[in-house]
All heavy atoms as atom14 arrays in JSON, in Angstrom:
{
  "sequence": "ADVCILEHEFGIFGGQDGIYILPLLHRLKIPLIVTLHTVLKTPSYNQK",
  "atom14_mask": [
    [1, 1, 1, 1, 1, 0, 0, 0, 0, 0, 0, 0, 0, 0],
    [1, 1, 1, 1, 1, 1, 1, 1, 0, 0, 0, 0, 0, 0],
    [1, 1, 1, 1, 1, 1, 1, 0, 0, 0, 0, 0, 0, 0],
    [1, 1, 1, 1, 1, 1, 0, 0, 0, 0, 0, 0, 0, 0],
    [1, 1, 1, 1, 1, 1, 1, 1, 0, 0, 0, 0, 0, 0],
    [1, 1, 1, 1, 1, 1, 1, 1, 0, 0, 0, 0, 0, 0],
    [1, 1, 1, 1, 1, 1, 1, 1, 1, 0, 0, 0, 0, 0],
    [1, 1, 1, 1, 1, 1, 1, 1, 1, 1, 0, 0, 0, 0],
    [1, 1, 1, 1, 1, 1, 1, 1, 1, 0, 0, 0, 0, 0],
    [1, 1, 1, 1, 1, 1, 1, 1, 1, 1, 1, 0, 0, 0],
    [1, 1, 1, 1, 0, 0, 0, 0, 0, 0, 0, 0, 0, 0],
    [1, 1, 1, 1, 1, 1, 1, 1, 0, 0, 0, 0, 0, 0],
    [1, 1, 1, 1, 1, 1, 1, 1, 1, 1, 1, 0, 0, 0],
    [1, 1, 1, 1, 0, 0, 0, 0, 0, 0, 0, 0, 0, 0],
    [1, 1, 1, 1, 0, 0, 0, 0, 0, 0, 0, 0, 0, 0],
    [1, 1, 1, 1, 1, 1, 1, 1, 1, 0, 0, 0, 0, 0],
    [1, 1, 1, 1, 1, 1, 1, 1, 0, 0, 0, 0, 0, 0],
    [1, 1, 1, 1, 0, 0, 0, 0, 0, 0, 0, 0, 0, 0],
    [1, 1, 1, 1, 1, 1, 1, 1, 0, 0, 0, 0, 0, 0],
    [1, 1, 1, 1, 1, 1, 1, 1, 1, 1, 1, 1, 0, 0],
    [1, 1, 1, 1, 1, 1, 1, 1, 0, 0, 0, 0, 0, 0],
    [1, 1, 1, 1, 1, 1, 1, 1, 0, 0, 0, 0, 0, 0],
    [1, 1, 1, 1, 1, 1, 1, 0, 0, 0, 0, 0, 0, 0],
    [1, 1, 1, 1, 1, 1, 1, 1, 0, 0, 0, 0, 0, 0],
    [1, 1, 1, 1, 1, 1, 1, 1, 0, 0, 0, 0, 0, 0],
    [1, 1, 1, 1, 1, 1, 1, 1, 1, 1, 0, 0, 0, 0],
    [1, 1, 1, 1, 1, 1, 1, 1, 1, 1, 1, 0, 0, 0],
    [1, 1, 1, 1, 1, 1, 1, 1, 0, 0, 0, 0, 0, 0],
    [1, 1, 1, 1, 1, 1, 1, 1, 1, 0, 0, 0, 0, 0],
    [1, 1, 1, 1, 1, 1, 1, 1, 0, 0, 0, 0, 0, 0],
    [1, 1, 1, 1, 1, 1, 1, 0, 0, 0, 0, 0, 0, 0],
    [1, 1, 1, 1, 1, 1, 1, 1, 0, 0, 0, 0, 0, 0],
    [1, 1, 1, 1, 1, 1, 1, 1, 0, 0, 0, 0, 0, 0],
    [1, 1, 1, 1, 1, 1, 1, 0, 0, 0, 0, 0, 0, 0],
    [1, 1, 1, 1, 1, 1, 1, 0, 0, 0, 0, 0, 0, 0],
    [1, 1, 1, 1, 1, 1, 1, 1, 0, 0, 0, 0, 0, 0],
    [1, 1, 1, 1, 1, 1, 1, 1, 1, 1, 0, 0, 0, 0],
    [1, 1, 1, 1, 1, 1, 1, 0, 0, 0, 0, 0, 0, 0],
    [1, 1, 1, 1, 1, 1, 1, 0, 0, 0, 0, 0, 0, 0],
    [1, 1, 1, 1, 1, 1, 1, 1, 0, 0, 0, 0, 0, 0],
    [1, 1, 1, 1, 1, 1, 1, 1, 1, 0, 0, 0, 0, 0],
    [1, 1, 1, 1, 1, 1, 1, 0, 0, 0, 0, 0, 0, 0],
    [1, 1, 1, 1, 1, 1, 1, 0, 0, 0, 0, 0, 0, 0],
    [1, 1, 1, 1, 1, 1, 0, 0, 0, 0, 0, 0, 0, 0],
    [1, 1, 1, 1, 1, 1, 1, 1, 1, 1, 1, 1, 0, 0],
    [1, 1, 1, 1, 1, 1, 1, 1, 0, 0, 0, 0, 0, 0],
    [1, 1, 1, 1, 1, 1, 1, 1, 1, 0, 0, 0, 0, 0],
    [1, 1, 1, 1, 1, 1, 1, 1, 1, 0, 0, 0, 0, 0]
  ],
  "atom14_positions": [
    [[-16.57, -5.81, 6.79], [-16.26, -6.75, 5.72], [-15.3, -7.82, 6.23], [-14.43, -7.56, 7.06], [-15.65, -6.02, 4.52], [0.0, 0.0, 0.0], [0.0, 0.0, 0.0], [0.0, 0.0, 0.0], [0.0, 0.0, 0.0], [0.0, 0.0, 0.0], [0.0, 0.0, 0.0], [0.0, 0.0, 0.0], [0.0, 0.0, 0.0], [0.0, 0.0, 0.0]],
    [[-15.45, -9.04, 5.7], [-14.59, -10.16, 6.09], [-13.42, -10.34, 5.14], [-12.37, -10.85, 5.53], [-15.41, -11.45, 6.12], [-16.58, -11.37, 7.08], [-16.32, -11.33, 8.3], [-17.73, -11.32, 6.62], [0.0, 0.0, 0.0], [0.0, 0.0, 0.0], [0.0, 0.0, 0.0], [0.0, 0.0, 0.0], [0.0, 0.0, 0.0], [0.0, 0.0, 0.0]],
    [[-13.61, -9.96, 3.88], [-12.59, -10.15, 2.84], [-12.68, -8.98, 1.87], [-13.77, -8.43, 1.64], [-12.81, -11.48, 2.06], [-11.78, -11.62, 0.93], [-12.73, -12.68, 2.98], [0.0, 0.0, 0.0], [0.0, 0.0, 0.0], [0.0, 0.0, 0.0], [0.0, 0.0, 0.0], [0.0, 0.0, 0.0], [0.0, 0.0, 0.0], [0.0, 0.0, 0.0]],
    [[-11.52, -8.61, 1.3], [-11.49, -7.59, 0.24], [-11.0, -8.25, -1.04], [-10.05, -9.03, -1.03], [-10.55, -6.45, 0.64], [-10.41, -5.16, -0.63], [0.0, 0.0, 0.0], [0.0, 0.0, 0.0], [0.0, 0.0, 0.0], [0.0, 0.0, 0.0], [0.0, 0.0, 0.0], [0.0, 0.0, 0.0], [0.0, 0.0, 0.0], [0.0, 0.0, 0.0]],
    [[-11.67, -7.97, -2.16], [-11.25, -8.47, -3.47], [-10.87, -7.26, -4.33], [-11.71, -6.39, -4.58], [-12.34, -9.31, -4.15], [-12.69, -10.53, -3.3], [-11.89, -9.74, -5.55], [-13.78, -11.41, -3.9], [0.0, 0.0, 0.0], [0.0, 0.0, 0.0], [0.0, 0.0, 0.0], [0.0, 0.0, 0.0], [0.0, 0.0, 0.0], [0.0, 0.0, 0.0]],
    [[-9.64, -7.24, -4.79], [-9.12, -6.15, -5.62], [-9.0, -6.61, -7.06], [-8.43, -7.67, -7.34], [-7.75, -5.72, -5.11], [-6.95, -4.75, -6.0], [-7.54, -3.35, -5.94], [-5.48, -4.74, -5.61], [0.0, 0.0, 0.0], [0.0, 0.0, 0.0], [0.0, 0.0, 0.0], [0.0, 0.0, 0.0], [0.0, 0.0, 0.0], [0.0, 0.0, 0.0]],
    [[-9.51, -5.81, -7.99], [-9.29, -6.04, -9.42], [-8.11, -5.17, -9.84], [-8.2, -3.95, -9.8], [-10.53, -5.68, -10.23], [-11.79, -6.42, -9.8], [-11.6, -7.93, -9.78], [-10.93, -8.46, -10.69], [-12.11, -8.58, -8.85], [0.0, 0.0, 0.0], [0.0, 0.0, 0.0], [0.0, 0.0, 0.0], [0.0, 0.0, 0.0], [0.0, 0.0, 0.0]],
    [[-7.02, -5.81, -10.25], [-5.81, -5.05, -10.57], [-5.52, -5.04, -12.06], [-5.5, -6.08, -12.71], [-4.59, -5.6, -9.84], [-3.35, -4.8, -10.14], [-2.51, -5.1, -11.19], [-2.85, -3.68, -9.55], [-1.53, -4.2, -11.23], [-1.72, -3.33, -10.25], [0.0, 0.0, 0.0], [0.0, 0.0, 0.0], [0.0, 0.0, 0.0], [0.0, 0.0, 0.0]],
    [[-5.28, -3.85, -12.54], [-4.82, -3.63, -13.91], [-3.94, -2.4, -13.91], [-4.28, -1.38, -13.29], [-6.03, -3.41, -14.84], [-5.67, -2.99, -16.26], [-5.03, -4.1, -17.06], [-5.75, -4.89, -17.68], [-3.78, -4.16, -17.03], [0.0, 0.0, 0.0], [0.0, 0.0, 0.0], [0.0, 0.0, 0.0], [0.0, 0.0, 0.0], [0.0, 0.0, 0.0]],
    [[-2.77, -2.46, -14.54], [-1.93, -1.27, -14.64], [-2.71, -0.19, -15.38], [-3.31, -0.42, -16.42], [-0.63, -1.59, -15.39], [0.32, -2.43, -14.6], [0.51, -3.77, -14.9], [1.02, -1.89, -13.53], [1.39, -4.55, -14.17], [1.89, -2.66, -12.78], [2.08, -3.99, -13.1], [0.0, 0.0, 0.0], [0.0, 0.0, 0.0], [0.0, 0.0, 0.0]],
    [[-2.7, 1.0, -14.84], [-3.35, 2.12, -15.51], [-4.62, 2.6, -14.84], [-5.07, 3.71, -15.12], [0.0, 0.0, 0.0], [0.0, 0.0, 0.0], [0.0, 0.0, 0.0], [0.0, 0.0, 0.0], [0.0, 0.0, 0.0], [0.0, 0.0, 0.0], [0.0, 0.0, 0.0], [0.0, 0.0, 0.0], [0.0, 0.0, 0.0], [0.0, 0.0, 0.0]],
    [[-5.22, 1.8, -13.96], [-6.47, 2.27, -13.35], [-6.25, 2.88, -11.98], [-7.15, 3.52, -11.44], [-7.54, 1.16, -13.29], [-7.12, 0.04, -12.33], [-7.82, 0.6, -14.67], [-8.22, -1.0, -12.12], [0.0, 0.0, 0.0], [0.0, 0.0, 0.0], [0.0, 0.0, 0.0], [0.0, 0.0, 0.0], [0.0, 0.0, 0.0], [0.0, 0.0, 0.0]],
    [[-5.06, 2.68, -11.39], [-4.76, 3.27, -10.09], [-3.76, 4.41, -10.27], [-2.99, 4.44, -11.24], [-4.2, 2.22, -9.13], [-5.14, 1.08, -8.91], [-4.84, -0.19, -9.37], [-6.34, 1.27, -8.24], [-5.7, -1.25, -9.17], [-7.22, 0.22, -8.04], [-6.91, -1.05, -8.51], [0.0, 0.0, 0.0], [0.0, 0.0, 0.0], [0.0, 0.0, 0.0]],
    [[-3.73, 5.32, -9.32], [-2.91, 6.52, -9.44], [-1.45, 6.29, -9.12], [-1.05, 5.24, -8.6], [0.0, 0.0, 0.0], [0.0, 0.0, 0.0], [0.0, 0.0, 0.0], [0.0, 0.0, 0.0], [0.0, 0.0, 0.0], [0.0, 0.0, 0.0], [0.0, 0.0, 0.0], [0.0, 0.0, 0.0], [0.0, 0.0, 0.0], [0.0, 0.0, 0.0]],
    [[-0.64, 7.31, -9.41], [0.79, 7.23, -9.15], [1.51, 6.43, -10.21], [0.91, 5.87, -11.13], [0.0, 0.0, 0.0], [0.0, 0.0, 0.0], [0.0, 0.0, 0.0], [0.0, 0.0, 0.0], [0.0, 0.0, 0.0], [0.0, 0.0, 0.0], [0.0, 0.0, 0.0], [0.0, 0.0, 0.0], [0.0, 0.0, 0.0], [0.0, 0.0, 0.0]],
    [[2.82, 6.38, -10.05], [3.66, 5.69, -11.01], [3.34, 4.19, -11.02], [3.5, 3.49, -10.04], [5.12, 5.92, -10.61], [6.15, 5.59, -11.65], [7.53, 5.97, -11.15], [7.95, 5.56, -10.07], [8.24, 6.77, -11.91], [0.0, 0.0, 0.0], [0.0, 0.0, 0.0], [0.0, 0.0, 0.0], [0.0, 0.0, 0.0], [0.0, 0.0, 0.0]],
    [[2.83, 3.71, -12.18], [2.46, 2.29, -12.33], [1.47, 1.83, -11.27], [1.51, 0.7, -10.81], [3.71, 1.41, -12.31], [4.65, 1.71, -13.48], [4.18, 1.67, -14.62], [5.82, 2.01, -13.24], [0.0, 0.0, 0.0], [0.0, 0.0, 0.0], [0.0, 0.0, 0.0], [0.0, 0.0, 0.0], [0.0, 0.0, 0.0], [0.0, 0.0, 0.0]],
    [[0.56, 2.75, -10.88], [-0.5, 2.39, -9.95], [-0.06, 2.2, -8.52], [-0.71, 1.5, -7.73], [0.0, 0.0, 0.0], [0.0, 0.0, 0.0], [0.0, 0.0, 0.0], [0.0, 0.0, 0.0], [0.0, 0.0, 0.0], [0.0, 0.0, 0.0], [0.0, 0.0, 0.0], [0.0, 0.0, 0.0], [0.0, 0.0, 0.0], [0.0, 0.0, 0.0]],
    [[1.0, 2.89, -8.13], [1.61, 2.66, -6.81], [0.72, 3.14, -5.66], [0.85, 2.67, -4.53], [2.98, 3.34, -6.75], [3.84, 2.73, -5.64], [2.85, 4.85, -6.59], [5.29, 3.16, -5.69], [0.0, 0.0, 0.0], [0.0, 0.0, 0.0], [0.0, 0.0, 0.0], [0.0, 0.0, 0.0], [0.0, 0.0, 0.0], [0.0, 0.0, 0.0]],
    [[-0.26, 4.01, -5.94], [-1.12, 4.53, -4.87], [-1.97, 3.45, -4.22], [-2.46, 3.64, -3.1], [-2.03, 5.63, -5.4], [-1.37, 6.96, -5.63], [-2.1, 8.04, -6.15], [-0.02, 7.16, -5.34], [-1.5, 9.26, -6.36], [0.58, 8.38, -5.56], [-0.17, 9.44, -6.08], [0.43, 10.66, -6.29], [0.0, 0.0, 0.0], [0.0, 0.0, 0.0]],
    [[-2.15, 2.32, -4.89], [-2.98, 1.28, -4.29], [-2.26, 0.61, -3.12], [-2.91, 0.05, -2.23], [-3.38, 0.23, -5.35], [-4.51, -0.66, -4.83], [-2.19, -0.61, -5.79], [-5.8, 0.06, -4.53], [0.0, 0.0, 0.0], [0.0, 0.0, 0.0], [0.0, 0.0, 0.0], [0.0, 0.0, 0.0], [0.0, 0.0, 0.0], [0.0, 0.0, 0.0]],
    [[-0.93, 0.68, -3.08], [-0.18, -0.05, -2.05], [-0.46, 0.45, -0.63], [-0.68, -0.36, 0.27], [1.32, -0.01, -2.35], [1.76, -0.76, -3.61], [3.28, -0.7, -3.73], [1.29, -2.2, -3.59], [0.0, 0.0, 0.0], [0.0, 0.0, 0.0], [0.0, 0.0, 0.0], [0.0, 0.0, 0.0], [0.0, 0.0, 0.0], [0.0, 0.0, 0.0]],
    [[-0.43, 1.77, -0.37], [-0.75, 2.2, 1.0], [-2.14, 1.78, 1.45], [-2.34, 1.47, 2.62], [-0.63, 3.73, 0.91], [0.32, 3.98, -0.21], [0.01, 2.9, -1.21], [0.0, 0.0, 0.0], [0.0, 0.0, 0.0], [0.0, 0.0, 0.0], [0.0, 0.0, 0.0], [0.0, 0.0, 0.0], [0.0, 0.0, 0.0], [0.0, 0.0, 0.0]],
    [[-3.1, 1.75, 0.53], [-4.44, 1.27, 0.89], [-4.37, -0.19, 1.32], [-4.89, -0.57, 2.38], [-5.37, 1.44, -0.32], [-6.87, 1.11, -0.13], [-7.67, 1.71, -1.27], [-7.19, -0.37, -0.05], [0.0, 0.0, 0.0], [0.0, 0.0, 0.0], [0.0, 0.0, 0.0], [0.0, 0.0, 0.0], [0.0, 0.0, 0.0], [0.0, 0.0, 0.0]],
    [[-3.72, -1.02, 0.51], [-3.69, -2.45, 0.8], [-2.96, -2.74, 2.1], [-3.36, -3.64, 2.85], [-3.03, -3.2, -0.36], [-3.69, -3.07, -1.73], [-2.97, -3.93, -2.75], [-5.17, -3.44, -1.67], [0.0, 0.0, 0.0], [0.0, 0.0, 0.0], [0.0, 0.0, 0.0], [0.0, 0.0, 0.0], [0.0, 0.0, 0.0], [0.0, 0.0, 0.0]],
    [[-1.91, -1.98, 2.38], [-1.16, -2.22, 3.61], [-1.94, -1.83, 4.85], [-1.65, -2.32, 5.94], [0.17, -1.47, 3.56], [1.29, -2.31, 3.04], [1.98, -3.2, 3.82], [1.82, -2.42, 1.8], [2.89, -3.81, 3.09], [2.82, -3.36, 1.87], [0.0, 0.0, 0.0], [0.0, 0.0, 0.0], [0.0, 0.0, 0.0], [0.0, 0.0, 0.0]],
    [[-2.92, -0.95, 4.69], [-3.7, -0.52, 5.85], [-4.92, -1.42, 6.09], [-5.62, -1.25, 7.09], [-4.14, 0.93, 5.67], [-3.0, 1.93, 5.89], [-3.39, 3.34, 5.43], [-2.45, 4.33, 5.89], [-1.26, 4.57, 5.33], [-0.88, 3.84, 4.28], [-0.46, 5.51, 5.8], [0.0, 0.0, 0.0], [0.0, 0.0, 0.0], [0.0, 0.0, 0.0]],
    [[-5.19, -2.36, 5.19], [-6.34, -3.24, 5.38], [-6.13, -4.14, 6.6], [-5.05, -4.67, 6.82], [-6.55, -4.11, 4.15], [-7.06, -3.43, 2.88], [-7.2, -4.45, 1.76], [-8.39, -2.72, 3.12], [0.0, 0.0, 0.0], [0.0, 0.0, 0.0], [0.0, 0.0, 0.0], [0.0, 0.0, 0.0], [0.0, 0.0, 0.0], [0.0, 0.0, 0.0]],
    [[-7.21, -4.33, 7.34], [-7.17, -5.21, 8.51], [-8.0, -6.47, 8.28], [-8.38, -7.15, 9.22], [-7.67, -4.44, 9.74], [-6.77, -3.26, 10.09], [-7.29, -2.49, 11.3], [-6.36, -1.32, 11.62], [-6.86, -0.51, 12.77], [0.0, 0.0, 0.0], [0.0, 0.0, 0.0], [0.0, 0.0, 0.0], [0.0, 0.0, 0.0], [0.0, 0.0, 0.0]],
    [[-8.26, -6.74, 7.0], [-8.96, -7.96, 6.62], [-8.16, -8.63, 5.51], [-7.36, -7.98, 4.83], [-10.41, -7.69, 6.16], [-10.42, -6.72, 4.97], [-11.24, -7.16, 7.31], [-11.8, -6.5, 4.38], [0.0, 0.0, 0.0], [0.0, 0.0, 0.0], [0.0, 0.0, 0.0], [0.0, 0.0, 0.0], [0.0, 0.0, 0.0], [0.0, 0.0, 0.0]],
    [[-8.37, -9.94, 5.28], [-7.62, -10.63, 4.22], [-7.93, -10.06, 2.84], [-9.02, -9.54, 2.59], [-8.1, -12.08, 4.34], [-8.62, -12.2, 5.73], [-9.2, -10.86, 6.07], [0.0, 0.0, 0.0], [0.0, 0.0, 0.0], [0.0, 0.0, 0.0], [0.0, 0.0, 0.0], [0.0, 0.0, 0.0], [0.0, 0.0, 0.0], [0.0, 0.0, 0.0]],
    [[-6.97, -10.21, 1.94], [-7.07, -9.65, 0.59], [-6.94, -10.74, -0.46], [-6.05, -11.59, -0.39], [-5.96, -8.61, 0.38], [-5.79, -8.07, -1.05], [-6.99, -7.19, -1.43], [-4.49, -7.28, -1.18], [0.0, 0.0, 0.0], [0.0, 0.0, 0.0], [0.0, 0.0, 0.0], [0.0, 0.0, 0.0], [0.0, 0.0, 0.0], [0.0, 0.0, 0.0]],
    [[-7.83, -10.7, -1.44], [-7.71, -11.49, -2.67], [-7.51, -10.5, -3.81], [-8.26, -9.52, -3.91], [-8.96, -12.34, -2.92], [-9.17, -13.35, -1.8], [-8.89, -13.04, -4.27], [-10.51, -14.07, -1.87], [0.0, 0.0, 0.0], [0.0, 0.0, 0.0], [0.0, 0.0, 0.0], [0.0, 0.0, 0.0], [0.0, 0.0, 0.0], [0.0, 0.0, 0.0]],
    [[-6.54, -10.72, -4.66], [-6.35, -9.84, -5.81], [-6.5, -10.64, -7.09], [-5.95, -11.74, -7.23], [-4.97, -9.13, -5.76], [-3.82, -10.13, -5.7], [-4.79, -8.22, -6.97], [0.0, 0.0, 0.0], [0.0, 0.0, 0.0], [0.0, 0.0, 0.0], [0.0, 0.0, 0.0], [0.0, 0.0, 0.0], [0.0, 0.0, 0.0], [0.0, 0.0, 0.0]],
    [[-7.28, -10.11, -8.02], [-7.41, -10.68, -9.35], [-6.51, -9.87, -10.29], [-6.7, -8.66, -10.43], [-8.85, -10.62, -9.86], [-9.72, -11.23, -8.9], [-8.99, -11.33, -11.2], [0.0, 0.0, 0.0], [0.0, 0.0, 0.0], [0.0, 0.0, 0.0], [0.0, 0.0, 0.0], [0.0, 0.0, 0.0], [0.0, 0.0, 0.0], [0.0, 0.0, 0.0]],
    [[-5.56, -10.54, -10.92], [-4.63, -9.86, -11.82], [-5.13, -9.99, -13.25], [-5.19, -11.09, -13.81], [-3.23, -10.47, -11.69], [-2.58, -10.38, -10.31], [-1.21, -11.05, -10.34], [-2.46, -8.93, -9.85], [0.0, 0.0, 0.0], [0.0, 0.0, 0.0], [0.0, 0.0, 0.0], [0.0, 0.0, 0.0], [0.0, 0.0, 0.0], [0.0, 0.0, 0.0]],
    [[-5.45, -8.85, -13.85], [-5.93, -8.85, -15.24], [-4.78, -8.7, -16.23], [-4.97, -8.92, -17.42], [-6.95, -7.74, -15.44], [-8.24, -7.98, -14.7], [-9.35, -8.52, -15.29], [-8.57, -7.78, -13.4], [-10.31, -8.64, -14.4], [-9.86, -8.19, -13.23], [0.0, 0.0, 0.0], [0.0, 0.0, 0.0], [0.0, 0.0, 0.0], [0.0, 0.0, 0.0]],
    [[-3.62, -8.32, -15.74], [-2.41, -8.26, -16.56], [-1.25, -8.79, -15.75], [-1.07, -8.4, -14.59], [-2.1, -6.82, -17.01], [-3.15, -6.35, -17.85], [-0.79, -6.75, -17.78], [0.0, 0.0, 0.0], [0.0, 0.0, 0.0], [0.0, 0.0, 0.0], [0.0, 0.0, 0.0], [0.0, 0.0, 0.0], [0.0, 0.0, 0.0], [0.0, 0.0, 0.0]],
    [[-0.46, -9.68, -16.35], [0.79, -10.14, -15.75], [1.86, -9.97, -16.82], [1.78, -10.61, -17.88], [0.71, -11.61, -15.29], [2.04, -12.04, -14.67], [-0.43, -11.81, -14.3], [0.0, 0.0, 0.0], [0.0, 0.0, 0.0], [0.0, 0.0, 0.0], [0.0, 0.0, 0.0], [0.0, 0.0, 0.0], [0.0, 0.0, 0.0], [0.0, 0.0, 0.0]],
    [[2.82, -9.09, -16.57], [3.82, -8.77, -17.57], [5.02, -9.7, -17.47], [5.54, -9.94, -16.39], [4.29, -7.32, -17.4], [3.19, -6.25, -17.53], [3.75, -4.88, -17.18], [2.6, -6.25, -18.92], [0.0, 0.0, 0.0], [0.0, 0.0, 0.0], [0.0, 0.0, 0.0], [0.0, 0.0, 0.0], [0.0, 0.0, 0.0], [0.0, 0.0, 0.0]],
    [[5.46, -10.2, -18.62], [6.6, -11.11, -18.64], [7.9, -10.36, -18.44], [8.85, -10.86, -17.82], [6.63, -11.86, -19.98], [7.67, -12.96, -20.05], [7.55, -13.72, -21.36], [8.52, -14.89, -21.42], [8.38, -15.64, -22.69], [0.0, 0.0, 0.0], [0.0, 0.0, 0.0], [0.0, 0.0, 0.0], [0.0, 0.0, 0.0], [0.0, 0.0, 0.0]],
    [[7.99, -9.14, -18.99], [9.2, -8.32, -18.83], [8.79, -6.96, -18.27], [8.78, -5.96, -18.99], [9.93, -8.15, -20.17], [9.02, -7.64, -21.15], [10.49, -9.48, -20.65], [0.0, 0.0, 0.0], [0.0, 0.0, 0.0], [0.0, 0.0, 0.0], [0.0, 0.0, 0.0], [0.0, 0.0, 0.0], [0.0, 0.0, 0.0], [0.0, 0.0, 0.0]],
    [[8.43, -6.91, -16.98], [7.98, -5.64, -16.39], [9.13, -4.67, -16.21], [10.3, -5.07, -16.14], [7.44, -6.08, -15.02], [8.27, -7.29, -14.68], [8.5, -7.99, -15.99], [0.0, 0.0, 0.0], [0.0, 0.0, 0.0], [0.0, 0.0, 0.0], [0.0, 0.0, 0.0], [0.0, 0.0, 0.0], [0.0, 0.0, 0.0], [0.0, 0.0, 0.0]],
    [[8.79, -3.39, -16.15], [9.79, -2.39, -15.77], [10.11, -2.57, -14.29], [9.44, -3.32, -13.57], [9.25, -0.98, -16.02], [8.2, -0.69, -15.09], [0.0, 0.0, 0.0], [0.0, 0.0, 0.0], [0.0, 0.0, 0.0], [0.0, 0.0, 0.0], [0.0, 0.0, 0.0], [0.0, 0.0, 0.0], [0.0, 0.0, 0.0], [0.0, 0.0, 0.0]],
    [[11.12, -1.86, -13.83], [11.51, -1.92, -12.42], [10.31, -1.6, -11.52], [10.01, -2.33, -10.57], [12.65, -0.94, -12.16], [13.08, -0.85, -10.72], [14.12, -1.64, -10.23], [12.47, 0.04, -9.83], [14.52, -1.55, -8.91], [12.86, 0.13, -8.51], [13.89, -0.66, -8.06], [14.28, -0.56, -6.75], [0.0, 0.0, 0.0], [0.0, 0.0, 0.0]],
    [[9.61, -0.5, -11.81], [8.5, -0.08, -10.96], [7.32, -1.03, -11.07], [6.65, -1.32, -10.08], [8.07, 1.34, -11.33], [9.03, 2.38, -10.8], [9.52, 2.28, -9.69], [9.33, 3.37, -11.61], [0.0, 0.0, 0.0], [0.0, 0.0, 0.0], [0.0, 0.0, 0.0], [0.0, 0.0, 0.0], [0.0, 0.0, 0.0], [0.0, 0.0, 0.0]],
    [[7.04, -1.5, -12.28], [5.93, -2.43, -12.45], [6.16, -3.7, -11.65], [5.25, -4.21, -10.98], [5.75, -2.76, -13.93], [5.17, -1.62, -14.74], [5.27, -1.87, -16.23], [6.12, -2.63, -16.7], [4.42, -1.21, -17.0], [0.0, 0.0, 0.0], [0.0, 0.0, 0.0], [0.0, 0.0, 0.0], [0.0, 0.0, 0.0], [0.0, 0.0, 0.0]],
    [[7.37, -4.2, -11.7], [7.68, -5.41, -10.95], [7.6, -5.16, -9.45], [7.08, -6.0, -8.69], [9.07, -5.92, -11.32], [9.42, -7.25, -10.67], [10.76, -7.79, -11.14], [11.08, -9.14, -10.52], [12.39, -9.66, -10.97], [0.0, 0.0, 0.0], [0.0, 0.0, 0.0], [0.0, 0.0, 0.0], [0.0, 0.0, 0.0], [0.0, 0.0, 0.0]]
  ]
}
């Protein structure tokens, strides 16, 4: 693959506030585009 596109929404990924997606993204060796379906104005510490 040349590019990865991630659909992000709080609640669909595992761990606290979907934190399990981060190790996956950090291990990617191709560019990443993320589509944010939720952007919180006052996020919690972990969400931010």
